[in-house]
C-alpha cells in the first residue's frame, strides 16, 4: 500500500463484499469473528495515529 487512499479503497471493497455476504456455516462464523477481531485492531491503530496528529 502506498497511501491511506489505497487502504480506504480496500476497506470499501470489504464493505461492499460484506453487504451482500450471507454466512451459512460455522466456518463462515469463525471467519467473520476473525474479520471482526482484525477490524478492532485496525481501528485501535488508526485511533492512536489519529490522536497523535
Protein backbone atom coordinates (compact mmCIF):
# COMPACT_ATOMS: atom_id res chain seq x y z
CA UNK A 1 0.00 0.00 0.00
CA UNK A 2 1.30 3.36 -0.89
CA UNK A 3 -1.18 5.62 0.83
CA UNK A 4 -4.15 5.87 3.12
CA UNK A 5 -6.28 6.32 0.00
CA UNK A 6 -5.24 2.80 -1.06
CA UNK A 7 -6.14 1.43 2.37
CA UNK A 8 -9.51 3.19 2.24
CA UNK A 9 -10.21 1.66 -1.18
CA UNK A 10 -9.52 -1.82 0.20
CA UNK A 11 -11.82 -1.22 3.15
CA UNK A 12 -14.55 -0.03 0.80
CA UNK A 13 -14.21 -3.29 -1.15
CA UNK A 14 -14.56 -5.27 2.08
CA UNK A 15 -17.62 -3.22 2.98
CA UNK A 16 -19.22 -3.98 -0.41
CA UNK A 17 -18.46 -7.66 -0.04
CA UNK A 18 -19.94 -7.85 3.45
CA UNK A 19 -23.12 -6.02 2.46
CA UNK A 20 -24.02 -8.85 0.07
CA UNK A 21 -22.43 -11.72 2.00
CA UNK A 22 -24.73 -14.32 3.51
CA UNK A 23 -22.92 -16.52 6.07
CA UNK A 24 -24.23 -20.06 6.29
CA UNK A 25 -21.76 -22.29 8.06
CA UNK A 26 -19.81 -22.48 11.28
CA UNK A 27 -16.68 -21.84 9.22
CA UNK A 28 -18.27 -18.59 8.00
CA UNK A 29 -18.94 -17.67 11.62
CA UNK A 30 -15.29 -18.29 12.54
CA UNK A 31 -14.07 -16.22 9.60
CA UNK A 32 -16.41 -13.38 10.50
CA UNK A 33 -15.06 -13.46 14.05
CA UNK A 34 -11.50 -13.22 12.70
CA UNK A 35 -12.55 -10.32 10.49
CA UNK A 36 -14.15 -8.52 13.44
CA UNK A 37 -11.03 -9.07 15.56
CA UNK A 38 -8.77 -7.79 12.81
CA UNK A 39 -11.02 -4.78 12.31
CA UNK A 40 -10.84 -3.91 16.02
CA UNK A 41 -7.04 -3.97 15.88
CA UNK A 42 -7.05 -1.79 12.77
CA UNK A 43 -9.43 0.68 14.42
CA UNK A 44 -7.28 0.89 17.54
CA UNK A 45 -4.15 1.56 15.50
CA UNK A 46 -5.95 4.19 13.41
CA UNK A 47 -7.23 5.98 16.52
CA UNK A 48 -3.73 6.04 18.03
CA UNK A 49 -2.30 7.59 14.88
CA UNK A 50 -5.24 10.00 14.56
CA UNK A 51 -4.82 11.25 18.12
CA UNK A 52 -1.11 11.84 17.60
CA UNK A 53 -1.73 14.36 14.81
